[in-house]
C-alpha atoms as a PDB file:
ATOM      1  CA  UNK A   1      31.529 134.171 120.826  1.00  0.00           C
ATOM      2  CA  UNK A   2      33.894 131.606 122.149  1.00  0.00           C
ATOM      3  CA  UNK A   3      37.479 132.610 121.369  1.00  0.00           C
ATOM      4  CA  UNK A   4      40.200 129.805 121.366  1.00  0.00           C
ATOM      5  CA  UNK A   5      43.604 129.645 123.920  1.00  0.00           C
ATOM      6  CA  UNK A   6      46.410 127.915 123.966  1.00  0.00           C
ATOM      7  CA  UNK A   7      47.081 128.549 127.250  1.00  0.00           C
ATOM      8  CA  UNK A   8      47.750 124.640 127.974  1.00  0.00           C
ATOM      9  CA  UNK A   9      50.567 125.128 125.148  1.00  0.00           C
ATOM     10  CA  UNK A  10      52.975 127.512 126.587  1.00  0.00           C
ATOM     11  CA  UNK A  11      52.029 127.078 130.828  1.00  0.00           C
ATOM     12  CA  UNK A  12      55.388 124.816 130.605  1.00  0.00           C
ATOM     13  CA  UNK A  13      57.382 127.449 129.311  1.00  0.00           C
ATOM     14  CA  UNK A  14      56.043 130.535 130.987  1.00  0.00           C
ATOM     15  CA  UNK A  15      57.229 127.491 134.413  1.00  0.00           C
ATOM     16  CA  UNK A  16      60.219 126.984 133.043  1.00  0.00           C
ATOM     17  CA  UNK A  17      61.043 130.885 132.818  1.00  0.00           C
ATOM     18  CA  UNK A  18      59.672 131.724 135.918  1.00  0.00           C
ATOM     19  CA  UNK A  19      61.833 129.329 137.488  1.00  0.00           C
ATOM     20  CA  UNK A  20      65.366 130.435 136.107  1.00  0.00           C
ATOM     21  CA  UNK A  21      64.480 133.270 136.646  1.00  0.00           C
ATOM     22  CA  UNK A  22      64.449 132.170 140.700  1.00  0.00           C
ATOM     23  CA  UNK A  23      67.224 130.547 140.975  1.00  0.00           C
ATOM     24  CA  UNK A  24      69.408 133.297 139.217  1.00  0.00           C
ATOM     25  CA  UNK A  25      67.614 135.879 141.724  1.00  0.00           C
ATOM     26  CA  UNK A  26      70.412 137.423 143.815  1.00  0.00           C
ATOM     27  CA  UNK A  27      73.172 135.912 142.410  1.00  0.00           C
ATOM     28  CA  UNK A  28      76.210 138.207 141.507  1.00  0.00           C
ATOM     29  CA  UNK A  29      76.430 139.450 137.759  1.00  0.00           C
ATOM     30  CA  UNK A  30      78.713 137.638 135.749  1.00  0.00           C
ATOM     31  CA  UNK A  31      80.971 140.615 135.299  1.00  0.00           C
ATOM     32  CA  UNK A  32      81.926 139.985 138.839  1.00  0.00           C
ATOM     33  CA  UNK A  33      84.045 137.370 137.778  1.00  0.00           C
ATOM     34  CA  UNK A  34      87.704 137.603 139.700  1.00  0.00           C
ATOM     35  CA  UNK A  35      85.781 140.285 142.138  1.00  0.00           C
ATOM     36  CA  UNK A  36      86.706 139.910 146.479  1.00  0.00           C
ATOM     37  CA  UNK A  37      83.517 138.827 147.310  1.00  0.00           C
ATOM     38  CA  UNK A  38      82.026 140.567 150.576  1.00  0.00           C
ATOM     39  CA  UNK A  39      77.909 139.793 151.831  1.00  0.00           C
ATOM     40  CA  UNK A  40      75.853 141.639 153.771  1.00  0.00           C
ATOM     41  CA  UNK A  41      74.737 139.195 156.579  1.00  0.00           C
ATOM     42  CA  UNK A  42      72.606 139.530 159.387  1.00  0.00           C
ATOM     43  CA  UNK A  43      73.871 143.211 159.770  1.00  0.00           C
ATOM     44  CA  UNK A  44      77.785 142.107 158.965  1.00  0.00           C
ATOM     45  CA  UNK A  45      80.271 142.492 156.290  1.00  0.00           C
ATOM     46  CA  UNK A  46      81.388 138.848 155.095  1.00  0.00           C
ATOM     47  CA  UNK A  47      84.702 138.752 156.067  1.00  0.00           C
ATOM     48  CA  UNK A  48      85.390 142.193 157.133  1.00  0.00           C
ATOM     49  CA  UNK A  49      88.904 142.822 155.692  1.00  0.00           C
ATOM     50  CA  UNK A  50      89.615 141.848 152.463  1.00  0.00           C
ATOM     51  CA  UNK A  51      92.678 142.601 150.938  1.00  0.00           C
ATOM     52  CA  UNK A  52      93.211 143.183 147.465  1.00  0.00           C
ATOM     53  CA  UNK A  53      95.107 144.011 144.420  1.00  0.00           C
ATOM     54  CA  UNK A  54      95.334 147.482 142.391  1.00  0.00           C
ATOM     55  CA  UNK A  55      93.236 147.602 139.904  1.00  0.00           C
ATOM     56  CA  UNK A  56      91.004 144.835 141.244  1.00  0.00           C
ATOM     57  CA  UNK A  57      86.949 144.376 142.821  1.00  0.00           C
ATOM     58  CA  UNK A  58      84.918 143.522 145.520  1.00  0.00           C
ATOM     59  CA  UNK A  59      81.308 142.769 145.092  1.00  0.00           C
ATOM     60  CA  UNK A  60      79.297 143.673 148.236  1.00  0.00           C
ATOM     61  CA  UNK A  61      76.306 141.222 148.617  1.00  0.00           C
ATOM     62  CA  UNK A  62      73.410 141.563 149.991  1.00  0.00           C
ATOM     63  CA  UNK A  63      71.791 138.743 151.942  1.00  0.00           C
ATOM     64  CA  UNK A  64      69.806 140.798 154.275  1.00  0.00           C
ATOM     65  CA  UNK A  65      66.921 141.317 154.804  1.00  0.00           C
ATOM     66  CA  UNK A  66      67.555 144.680 155.809  1.00  0.00           C
ATOM     67  CA  UNK A  67      68.856 147.337 153.287  1.00  0.00           C
ATOM     68  CA  UNK A  68      72.699 148.278 152.989  1.00  0.00           C
ATOM     69  CA  UNK A  69      74.998 150.021 151.453  1.00  0.00           C
ATOM     70  CA  UNK A  70      78.606 150.665 151.897  1.00  0.00           C
ATOM     71  CA  UNK A  71      80.215 153.209 152.009  1.00  0.00           C
ATOM     72  CA  UNK A  72      83.835 155.211 152.623  1.00  0.00           C
ATOM     73  CA  UNK A  73      83.406 158.847 151.187  1.00  0.00           C
ATOM     74  CA  UNK A  74      85.008 160.498 149.115  1.00  0.00           C
ATOM     75  CA  UNK A  75      85.769 157.439 148.014  1.00  0.00           C
ATOM     76  CA  UNK A  76      82.738 154.691 146.728  1.00  0.00           C
ATOM     77  CA  UNK A  77      79.668 154.271 147.429  1.00  0.00           C
ATOM     78  CA  UNK A  78      77.214 151.504 146.458  1.00  0.00           C
ATOM     79  CA  UNK A  79      73.956 152.854 147.099  1.00  0.00           C
ATOM     80  CA  UNK A  80      71.151 150.957 148.762  1.00  0.00           C
ATOM     81  CA  UNK A  81      70.955 148.023 147.910  1.00  0.00           C
ATOM     82  CA  UNK A  82      67.712 145.607 148.223  1.00  0.00           C
ATOM     83  CA  UNK A  83      68.398 141.581 149.087  1.00  0.00           C
ATOM     84  CA  UNK A  84      69.750 140.306 145.998  1.00  0.00           C
ATOM     85  CA  UNK A  85      71.544 142.996 145.497  1.00  0.00           C
ATOM     86  CA  UNK A  86      75.122 143.296 144.379  1.00  0.00           C
ATOM     87  CA  UNK A  87      77.475 146.517 143.585  1.00  0.00           C
ATOM     88  CA  UNK A  88      80.467 146.025 142.083  1.00  0.00           C
ATOM     89  CA  UNK A  89      83.386 148.047 143.489  1.00  0.00           C
ATOM     90  CA  UNK A  90      86.528 148.724 141.489  1.00  0.00           C
ATOM     91  CA  UNK A  91      89.737 149.847 143.887  1.00  0.00           C
ATOM     92  CA  UNK A  92      92.940 151.153 141.731  1.00  0.00           C
ATOM     93  CA  UNK A  93      95.227 152.644 144.383  1.00  0.00           C
ATOM     94  CA  UNK A  94      96.676 151.021 146.642  1.00  0.00           C
ATOM     95  CA  UNK A  95      95.611 152.342 151.260  1.00  0.00           C
ATOM     96  CA  UNK A  96      93.598 151.196 153.185  1.00  0.00           C
ATOM     97  CA  UNK A  97      89.405 152.251 152.483  1.00  0.00           C
ATOM     98  CA  UNK A  98      87.773 151.846 156.356  1.00  0.00           C
ATOM     99  CA  UNK A  99      84.073 151.583 155.491  1.00  0.00           C
ATOM    100  CA  UNK A 100      80.893 151.447 157.020  1.00  0.00           C
ATOM    101  CA  UNK A 101      77.146 150.673 156.258  1.00  0.00           C
ATOM    102  CA  UNK A 102      75.427 154.306 156.154  1.00  0.00           C
ATOM    103  CA  UNK A 103      71.299 152.918 157.766  1.00  0.00           C
ATOM    104  CA  UNK A 104      74.051 151.110 160.684  1.00  0.00           C
ATOM    105  CA  UNK A 105      76.839 152.724 160.802  1.00  0.00           C
ATOM    106  CA  UNK A 106      77.822 151.241 164.559  1.00  0.00           C
ATOM    107  CA  UNK A 107      78.119 148.058 163.745  1.00  0.00           C
ATOM    108  CA  UNK A 108      78.248 147.260 160.422  1.00  0.00           C
ATOM    109  CA  UNK A 109      82.096 148.284 160.052  1.00  0.00           C
ATOM    110  CA  UNK A 110      84.844 146.876 157.445  1.00  0.00           C
ATOM    111  CA  UNK A 111      88.357 147.664 155.282  1.00  0.00           C
ATOM    112  CA  UNK A 112      89.496 146.783 152.307  1.00  0.00           C
ATOM    113  CA  UNK A 113      93.071 146.808 151.975  1.00  0.00           C
ATOM    114  CA  UNK A 114      95.279 147.836 148.573  1.00  0.00           C
ATOM    115  CA  UNK A 115      98.273 146.720 148.197  1.00  0.00           C
END
């Protein structure tokens, strides 16, 4: 018995979906509009210091092949982020929040200033 497949008709659609998925990979979520972005790149936070108003958010985006996180104990923890992943953190209270990557604590440090 011969079953005819419509693979050739579906191929362009599959390719278009694949290209769209590749273009969207690593892009910050749309909920991050208005957030300040801090990239994790070359084992550094870039920029290392950001200044925001209370209630604003910081989007941490891992642009390294290595896994990273951003942690200020007792305040926020992004969790470990693989390449291309991101985490959004809202800062409600005024203050200075030094943070670090717990996986690379000696050279990955940053600061969020909320005022």
